[in-house]
Amino acid sequence: MKHITFASKSLFVDDEAADTLLEYAALLAQSGDADTVELNAINADGNQVVATLLLDSGSPLMAETTTSSLEPPENDEAVAYMRTEIGRAFSALLPDERQGSRD
């Protein structure tokens, strides 16, 4: 589990969600884009919450490891969404294979 800090809020999420969130946020910042992502999390009071994060070039976001023994909530759908969006962004950078190579 990782502890993420977003603006002035602290949340605990699973490692994969935290790592993917940072990767996606960096991609959005580099491209000048923005998106919202909903994550299941545990807040600073220990309550399970659904957090909606606005990711853009001005989003202050940090993730750090934690030794907490709490069981993190699942974020499979959010991780799948972010990975799909990351894949789309990178595939847009690749040459169109349908045109074939020229010798």
Foldseek 3Di string as FASTA:
>chain_A
DKWKQKPHWIWDADPLLQVLVVVLLVVQLVVQHKDKFWDFTQTPVRDTDIDIDIRGNPIDMDMDDDPDPDDHDDDVVRSVVSVVVVVVVVVVVDDDPVVPDDD
